[in-house]
């Protein structure tokens, strides 16, 4: 058995585990319920271990892809102001920096 991932984030650990299982990799989780501890400083991270060493390279690739997708999904879409080139959250109807209306609809 080899460890391929560890995290204090219960949701992140579950998503990585699910991605590995969907790809046919047999896993076990150690410290699975430690994320529910009341004292974060004293809880060990949950660890995902693969049961078969020959799955290691594929598992590391899947873990990397899953974490990258989580990071990308967490970022809300933005738009760039045509005047000052600042990035703005999609929910902004006008540029936070210069007040220019959002392209394609801005303020009315």
C-alpha atoms as a PDB file:
ATOM      1  CA  UNK A   1       0.000   0.000   0.000  1.00  0.00           C
ATOM      2  CA  UNK A   2       1.127   3.538  -0.772  1.00  0.00           C
ATOM      3  CA  UNK A   3      -0.217   6.903   0.317  1.00  0.00           C
ATOM      4  CA  UNK A   4      -1.206   9.133  -2.608  1.00  0.00           C
ATOM      5  CA  UNK A   5      -3.088  11.988  -0.921  1.00  0.00           C
ATOM      6  CA  UNK A   6      -3.728  13.652   2.434  1.00  0.00           C
ATOM      7  CA  UNK A   7      -5.914  16.574   3.451  1.00  0.00           C
ATOM      8  CA  UNK A   8      -7.779  18.049   6.410  1.00  0.00           C
ATOM      9  CA  UNK A   9     -10.650  18.901   4.042  1.00  0.00           C
ATOM     10  CA  UNK A  10     -13.250  16.118   4.295  1.00  0.00           C
ATOM     11  CA  UNK A  11     -14.984  17.104   1.044  1.00  0.00           C
ATOM     12  CA  UNK A  12     -11.739  17.287  -0.910  1.00  0.00           C
ATOM     13  CA  UNK A  13     -10.717  13.870   0.381  1.00  0.00           C
ATOM     14  CA  UNK A  14     -14.075  12.366  -0.623  1.00  0.00           C
ATOM     15  CA  UNK A  15     -13.867  13.853  -4.123  1.00  0.00           C
ATOM     16  CA  UNK A  16     -10.350  12.511  -4.656  1.00  0.00           C
ATOM     17  CA  UNK A  17     -11.369   9.083  -3.322  1.00  0.00           C
ATOM     18  CA  UNK A  18     -14.397   9.015  -5.647  1.00  0.00           C
ATOM     19  CA  UNK A  19     -12.258   9.941  -8.665  1.00  0.00           C
ATOM     20  CA  UNK A  20      -9.820   7.133  -7.895  1.00  0.00           C
ATOM     21  CA  UNK A  21     -12.583   4.571  -7.390  1.00  0.00           C
ATOM     22  CA  UNK A  22     -14.322   5.658 -10.629  1.00  0.00           C
ATOM     23  CA  UNK A  23     -11.049   4.903 -12.395  1.00  0.00           C
ATOM     24  CA  UNK A  24     -10.866   1.399 -10.961  1.00  0.00           C
ATOM     25  CA  UNK A  25      -8.274   2.036  -8.260  1.00  0.00           C
ATOM     26  CA  UNK A  26      -8.787   0.194  -4.977  1.00  0.00           C
ATOM     27  CA  UNK A  27      -8.260   2.618  -2.077  1.00  0.00           C
ATOM     28  CA  UNK A  28      -8.522   2.828   1.665  1.00  0.00           C
ATOM     29  CA  UNK A  29      -8.764   5.981   3.776  1.00  0.00           C
ATOM     30  CA  UNK A  30      -6.969   6.376   7.079  1.00  0.00           C
ATOM     31  CA  UNK A  31      -8.102   9.002   9.608  1.00  0.00           C
ATOM     32  CA  UNK A  32     -11.281   9.405   7.549  1.00  0.00           C
ATOM     33  CA  UNK A  33     -13.311  10.880  10.372  1.00  0.00           C
ATOM     34  CA  UNK A  34     -10.569  13.079  11.797  1.00  0.00           C
ATOM     35  CA  UNK A  35     -11.899  16.028   9.784  1.00  0.00           C
ATOM     36  CA  UNK A  36     -14.907  16.111  12.083  1.00  0.00           C
ATOM     37  CA  UNK A  37     -12.754  16.827  15.126  1.00  0.00           C
ATOM     38  CA  UNK A  38     -13.633  19.950  17.063  1.00  0.00           C
ATOM     39  CA  UNK A  39     -10.005  21.040  17.388  1.00  0.00           C
ATOM     40  CA  UNK A  40      -8.387  21.468  13.934  1.00  0.00           C
ATOM     41  CA  UNK A  41      -4.860  21.859  15.302  1.00  0.00           C
ATOM     42  CA  UNK A  42      -4.976  18.370  16.816  1.00  0.00           C
ATOM     43  CA  UNK A  43      -6.586  16.367  14.038  1.00  0.00           C
ATOM     44  CA  UNK A  44      -4.466  14.279  11.704  1.00  0.00           C
ATOM     45  CA  UNK A  45      -5.208  14.678   7.998  1.00  0.00           C
ATOM     46  CA  UNK A  46      -7.244  12.036   6.220  1.00  0.00           C
ATOM     47  CA  UNK A  47      -4.971   9.943   4.009  1.00  0.00           C
ATOM     48  CA  UNK A  48      -5.843   8.047   0.857  1.00  0.00           C
ATOM     49  CA  UNK A  49      -3.796   4.921   0.301  1.00  0.00           C
ATOM     50  CA  UNK A  50      -3.881   2.724  -2.779  1.00  0.00           C
ATOM     51  CA  UNK A  51      -3.885  -1.011  -2.195  1.00  0.00           C
ATOM     52  CA  UNK A  52      -1.785  -1.979  -5.230  1.00  0.00           C
ATOM     53  CA  UNK A  53       1.602  -0.412  -5.941  1.00  0.00           C
ATOM     54  CA  UNK A  54       1.174  -0.876  -9.696  1.00  0.00           C
ATOM     55  CA  UNK A  55      -1.648   1.749  -9.572  1.00  0.00           C
ATOM     56  CA  UNK A  56       0.640   4.426  -8.109  1.00  0.00           C
ATOM     57  CA  UNK A  57       1.481   6.427 -11.254  1.00  0.00           C
ATOM     58  CA  UNK A  58      -2.105   6.412 -12.489  1.00  0.00           C
ATOM     59  CA  UNK A  59      -3.383   7.329  -9.020  1.00  0.00           C
ATOM     60  CA  UNK A  60      -0.989  10.297  -8.730  1.00  0.00           C
ATOM     61  CA  UNK A  61      -2.156  11.532 -12.145  1.00  0.00           C
ATOM     62  CA  UNK A  62      -5.820  11.263 -11.125  1.00  0.00           C
ATOM     63  CA  UNK A  63      -5.151  13.027  -7.813  1.00  0.00           C
ATOM     64  CA  UNK A  64      -3.383  15.870  -9.637  1.00  0.00           C
ATOM     65  CA  UNK A  65      -6.169  16.248 -12.182  1.00  0.00           C
ATOM     66  CA  UNK A  66      -8.841  16.191  -9.479  1.00  0.00           C
ATOM     67  CA  UNK A  67      -7.133  18.826  -7.336  1.00  0.00           C
ATOM     68  CA  UNK A  68      -6.515  21.021 -10.398  1.00  0.00           C
ATOM     69  CA  UNK A  69     -10.195  20.767 -11.347  1.00  0.00           C
ATOM     70  CA  UNK A  70     -11.242  21.690  -7.809  1.00  0.00           C
ATOM     71  CA  UNK A  71      -8.978  24.741  -7.876  1.00  0.00           C
ATOM     72  CA  UNK A  72     -10.302  25.831 -11.273  1.00  0.00           C
ATOM     73  CA  UNK A  73     -13.935  25.256 -10.316  1.00  0.00           C
ATOM     74  CA  UNK A  74     -13.500  27.354  -7.189  1.00  0.00           C
ATOM     75  CA  UNK A  75     -12.612  30.444  -9.180  1.00  0.00           C
ATOM     76  CA  UNK A  76     -15.659  32.391 -10.323  1.00  0.00           C
ATOM     77  CA  UNK A  77     -15.654  33.637 -13.924  1.00  0.00           C
ATOM     78  CA  UNK A  78     -14.438  37.177 -14.492  1.00  0.00           C
ATOM     79  CA  UNK A  79     -14.574  39.845 -17.170  1.00  0.00           C
ATOM     80  CA  UNK A  80     -11.830  42.335 -18.070  1.00  0.00           C
ATOM     81  CA  UNK A  81     -12.574  46.054 -18.301  1.00  0.00           C
ATOM     82  CA  UNK A  82     -11.949  47.438 -21.787  1.00  0.00           C
ATOM     83  CA  UNK A  83     -10.702  50.749 -20.338  1.00  0.00           C
ATOM     84  CA  UNK A  84      -8.416  49.971 -17.390  1.00  0.00           C
ATOM     85  CA  UNK A  85      -7.892  46.200 -18.010  1.00  0.00           C
ATOM     86  CA  UNK A  86      -8.812  45.242 -14.431  1.00  0.00           C
ATOM     87  CA  UNK A  87     -10.493  41.887 -13.762  1.00  0.00           C
ATOM     88  CA  UNK A  88     -13.996  42.012 -12.325  1.00  0.00           C
ATOM     89  CA  UNK A  89     -16.248  39.277 -10.921  1.00  0.00           C
ATOM     90  CA  UNK A  90     -18.973  38.230 -13.356  1.00  0.00           C
ATOM     91  CA  UNK A  91     -21.585  39.568 -10.930  1.00  0.00           C
ATOM     92  CA  UNK A  92     -20.233  43.148 -11.200  1.00  0.00           C
ATOM     93  CA  UNK A  93     -22.240  45.267 -13.649  1.00  0.00           C
ATOM     94  CA  UNK A  94     -19.481  47.904 -13.766  1.00  0.00           C
ATOM     95  CA  UNK A  95     -15.718  47.878 -13.310  1.00  0.00           C
ATOM     96  CA  UNK A  96     -14.709  48.135  -9.680  1.00  0.00           C
ATOM     97  CA  UNK A  97     -11.757  50.357 -10.640  1.00  0.00           C
ATOM     98  CA  UNK A  98     -13.017  52.866 -13.196  1.00  0.00           C
ATOM     99  CA  UNK A  99     -16.789  52.414 -13.250  1.00  0.00           C
ATOM    100  CA  UNK A 100     -16.991  51.400 -16.927  1.00  0.00           C
ATOM    101  CA  UNK A 101     -20.113  49.345 -17.724  1.00  0.00           C
ATOM    102  CA  UNK A 102     -19.710  45.616 -18.193  1.00  0.00           C
ATOM    103  CA  UNK A 103     -19.598  44.703 -21.894  1.00  0.00           C
ATOM    104  CA  UNK A 104     -22.864  43.356 -23.214  1.00  0.00           C
ATOM    105  CA  UNK A 105     -25.220  44.790 -20.705  1.00  0.00           C
ATOM    106  CA  UNK A 106     -23.714  46.605 -17.735  1.00  0.00           C
ATOM    107  CA  UNK A 107     -25.844  49.071 -15.809  1.00  0.00           C
ATOM    108  CA  UNK A 108     -29.119  50.358 -17.198  1.00  0.00           C
END
